[in-house]
């Protein structure tokens, strides 16, 4: 199978893997949250690798930068949603630390 340029990027791999982790973790959220925080959390997480993938293939630096800005904004949204999920007892403090640590690594790489 063909490997796309973005798939070779460590930042894309890291954000994609974290997205899969969150999809699996959010399966245990309350059913009443299916269209609430679960959906919002998943959408915010999936936005990070998809915007990285799309931005990498843009022609101009300005276009690439815009998609990375969107990915960074999504990473901040993710942190907010993780904190809320923790306060609602949907994730443990250990998971919160683990996920936030990875999101911080991703956001630092986006800004680098």
C-alpha atoms as a PDB file:
ATOM      1  CA  UNK A   1       0.000   0.000   0.000  1.00  0.00           C
ATOM      2  CA  UNK A   2       1.182   3.512  -0.833  1.00  0.00           C
ATOM      3  CA  UNK A   3       2.491   5.633   2.055  1.00  0.00           C
ATOM      4  CA  UNK A   4       1.544   9.300   1.920  1.00  0.00           C
ATOM      5  CA  UNK A   5       4.028  11.986   2.962  1.00  0.00           C
ATOM      6  CA  UNK A   6       2.034  12.983   6.023  1.00  0.00           C
ATOM      7  CA  UNK A   7       2.059   9.382   7.301  1.00  0.00           C
ATOM      8  CA  UNK A   8       5.822   9.623   7.682  1.00  0.00           C
ATOM      9  CA  UNK A   9       5.569  12.593  10.031  1.00  0.00           C
ATOM     10  CA  UNK A  10       6.094  11.810  13.708  1.00  0.00           C
ATOM     11  CA  UNK A  11       3.570  14.492  14.694  1.00  0.00           C
ATOM     12  CA  UNK A  12       0.889  12.947  12.483  1.00  0.00           C
ATOM     13  CA  UNK A  13       1.597   9.445  13.810  1.00  0.00           C
ATOM     14  CA  UNK A  14       1.488  10.683  17.403  1.00  0.00           C
ATOM     15  CA  UNK A  15      -1.783  12.565  16.935  1.00  0.00           C
ATOM     16  CA  UNK A  16      -3.375   9.694  15.000  1.00  0.00           C
ATOM     17  CA  UNK A  17      -2.423   7.185  17.696  1.00  0.00           C
ATOM     18  CA  UNK A  18      -3.800   9.439  20.421  1.00  0.00           C
ATOM     19  CA  UNK A  19      -7.037   9.831  18.469  1.00  0.00           C
ATOM     20  CA  UNK A  20      -7.441   6.056  18.350  1.00  0.00           C
ATOM     21  CA  UNK A  21      -6.737   5.874  22.102  1.00  0.00           C
ATOM     22  CA  UNK A  22      -9.444   8.466  22.810  1.00  0.00           C
ATOM     23  CA  UNK A  23     -11.968   6.740  20.578  1.00  0.00           C
ATOM     24  CA  UNK A  24     -11.407   3.558  22.563  1.00  0.00           C
ATOM     25  CA  UNK A  25     -11.486   5.329  25.939  1.00  0.00           C
ATOM     26  CA  UNK A  26     -14.649   7.276  25.126  1.00  0.00           C
ATOM     27  CA  UNK A  27     -16.554   4.048  24.428  1.00  0.00           C
ATOM     28  CA  UNK A  28     -16.951   3.837  28.200  1.00  0.00           C
ATOM     29  CA  UNK A  29     -18.520   7.297  28.544  1.00  0.00           C
ATOM     30  CA  UNK A  30     -22.184   7.417  29.495  1.00  0.00           C
ATOM     31  CA  UNK A  31     -24.664   6.731  26.716  1.00  0.00           C
ATOM     32  CA  UNK A  32     -26.325  10.046  27.503  1.00  0.00           C
ATOM     33  CA  UNK A  33     -23.094  11.747  26.379  1.00  0.00           C
ATOM     34  CA  UNK A  34     -23.119  10.130  22.935  1.00  0.00           C
ATOM     35  CA  UNK A  35     -24.086  13.413  21.272  1.00  0.00           C
ATOM     36  CA  UNK A  36     -22.436  15.614  23.898  1.00  0.00           C
ATOM     37  CA  UNK A  37     -18.913  15.512  25.182  1.00  0.00           C
ATOM     38  CA  UNK A  38     -18.109  12.146  23.552  1.00  0.00           C
ATOM     39  CA  UNK A  39     -18.861  13.495  20.092  1.00  0.00           C
ATOM     40  CA  UNK A  40     -17.131  16.821  20.724  1.00  0.00           C
ATOM     41  CA  UNK A  41     -14.037  15.137  22.164  1.00  0.00           C
ATOM     42  CA  UNK A  42     -13.743  12.750  19.246  1.00  0.00           C
ATOM     43  CA  UNK A  43     -14.230  15.505  16.684  1.00  0.00           C
ATOM     44  CA  UNK A  44     -11.600  17.703  18.329  1.00  0.00           C
ATOM     45  CA  UNK A  45      -9.115  14.844  18.492  1.00  0.00           C
ATOM     46  CA  UNK A  46      -9.632  13.734  14.899  1.00  0.00           C
ATOM     47  CA  UNK A  47      -9.234  17.343  13.753  1.00  0.00           C
ATOM     48  CA  UNK A  48      -5.580  17.373  14.795  1.00  0.00           C
ATOM     49  CA  UNK A  49      -4.167  14.652  12.494  1.00  0.00           C
ATOM     50  CA  UNK A  50      -6.526  15.517   9.644  1.00  0.00           C
ATOM     51  CA  UNK A  51      -5.486  19.176   9.603  1.00  0.00           C
ATOM     52  CA  UNK A  52      -1.823  18.192   9.808  1.00  0.00           C
ATOM     53  CA  UNK A  53      -2.298  15.821   6.862  1.00  0.00           C
ATOM     54  CA  UNK A  54      -4.142  18.416   4.828  1.00  0.00           C
ATOM     55  CA  UNK A  55      -1.732  21.236   5.656  1.00  0.00           C
ATOM     56  CA  UNK A  56       1.404  19.305   4.768  1.00  0.00           C
ATOM     57  CA  UNK A  57       0.277  19.082   1.164  1.00  0.00           C
ATOM     58  CA  UNK A  58      -0.519  22.754   0.654  1.00  0.00           C
ATOM     59  CA  UNK A  59       1.611  24.659  -1.819  1.00  0.00           C
ATOM     60  CA  UNK A  60       2.300  27.877   0.068  1.00  0.00           C
ATOM     61  CA  UNK A  61       3.750  28.341   3.526  1.00  0.00           C
ATOM     62  CA  UNK A  62       0.777  30.558   4.398  1.00  0.00           C
ATOM     63  CA  UNK A  63      -1.665  27.748   3.599  1.00  0.00           C
ATOM     64  CA  UNK A  64       0.398  25.166   5.515  1.00  0.00           C
ATOM     65  CA  UNK A  65       0.614  27.495   8.479  1.00  0.00           C
ATOM     66  CA  UNK A  66      -3.162  28.007   8.537  1.00  0.00           C
ATOM     67  CA  UNK A  67      -3.849  24.269   8.819  1.00  0.00           C
ATOM     68  CA  UNK A  68      -1.268  23.909  11.575  1.00  0.00           C
ATOM     69  CA  UNK A  69      -2.955  26.792  13.414  1.00  0.00           C
ATOM     70  CA  UNK A  70      -6.254  24.914  13.197  1.00  0.00           C
ATOM     71  CA  UNK A  71      -4.574  21.725  14.488  1.00  0.00           C
ATOM     72  CA  UNK A  72      -3.089  23.717  17.378  1.00  0.00           C
ATOM     73  CA  UNK A  73      -6.481  25.227  18.200  1.00  0.00           C
ATOM     74  CA  UNK A  74      -7.971  21.737  18.213  1.00  0.00           C
ATOM     75  CA  UNK A  75      -5.265  20.589  20.617  1.00  0.00           C
ATOM     76  CA  UNK A  76      -6.263  23.344  23.050  1.00  0.00           C
ATOM     77  CA  UNK A  77      -9.925  22.348  22.659  1.00  0.00           C
ATOM     78  CA  UNK A  78      -8.906  18.773  23.435  1.00  0.00           C
ATOM     79  CA  UNK A  79      -7.190  19.813  26.680  1.00  0.00           C
ATOM     80  CA  UNK A  80     -10.316  21.677  27.753  1.00  0.00           C
ATOM     81  CA  UNK A  81     -12.511  18.676  26.948  1.00  0.00           C
ATOM     82  CA  UNK A  82     -10.147  16.321  28.780  1.00  0.00           C
ATOM     83  CA  UNK A  83     -10.313  18.496  31.888  1.00  0.00           C
ATOM     84  CA  UNK A  84     -14.107  18.500  31.723  1.00  0.00           C
ATOM     85  CA  UNK A  85     -14.142  14.731  31.165  1.00  0.00           C
ATOM     86  CA  UNK A  86     -11.969  14.293  34.229  1.00  0.00           C
ATOM     87  CA  UNK A  87     -14.222  16.483  36.368  1.00  0.00           C
ATOM     88  CA  UNK A  88     -17.215  14.426  35.232  1.00  0.00           C
ATOM     89  CA  UNK A  89     -15.315  11.264  36.265  1.00  0.00           C
ATOM     90  CA  UNK A  90     -15.248   9.944  32.700  1.00  0.00           C
ATOM     91  CA  UNK A  91     -11.460   9.574  32.773  1.00  0.00           C
ATOM     92  CA  UNK A  92      -9.035   8.938  35.632  1.00  0.00           C
ATOM     93  CA  UNK A  93      -6.359  11.363  36.793  1.00  0.00           C
ATOM     94  CA  UNK A  94      -3.746   8.979  35.355  1.00  0.00           C
ATOM     95  CA  UNK A  95      -5.447   9.048  31.952  1.00  0.00           C
ATOM     96  CA  UNK A  96      -5.799  12.827  32.132  1.00  0.00           C
ATOM     97  CA  UNK A  97      -2.064  13.192  32.766  1.00  0.00           C
ATOM     98  CA  UNK A  98      -1.183  10.696  30.032  1.00  0.00           C
ATOM     99  CA  UNK A  99      -3.439  12.273  27.393  1.00  0.00           C
ATOM    100  CA  UNK A 100      -2.496  15.863  28.294  1.00  0.00           C
ATOM    101  CA  UNK A 101       1.191  14.989  28.169  1.00  0.00           C
ATOM    102  CA  UNK A 102       0.808  13.652  24.630  1.00  0.00           C
ATOM    103  CA  UNK A 103      -1.326  16.634  23.575  1.00  0.00           C
ATOM    104  CA  UNK A 104       1.327  18.982  24.983  1.00  0.00           C
ATOM    105  CA  UNK A 105       3.987  17.163  22.983  1.00  0.00           C
ATOM    106  CA  UNK A 106       1.872  17.469  19.847  1.00  0.00           C
ATOM    107  CA  UNK A 107       1.125  21.166  20.383  1.00  0.00           C
ATOM    108  CA  UNK A 108       4.824  21.885  21.010  1.00  0.00           C
ATOM    109  CA  UNK A 109       5.724  20.118  17.757  1.00  0.00           C
ATOM    110  CA  UNK A 110       3.066  22.089  15.894  1.00  0.00           C
ATOM    111  CA  UNK A 111       4.600  25.345  17.168  1.00  0.00           C
ATOM    112  CA  UNK A 112       8.179  24.260  16.394  1.00  0.00           C
END
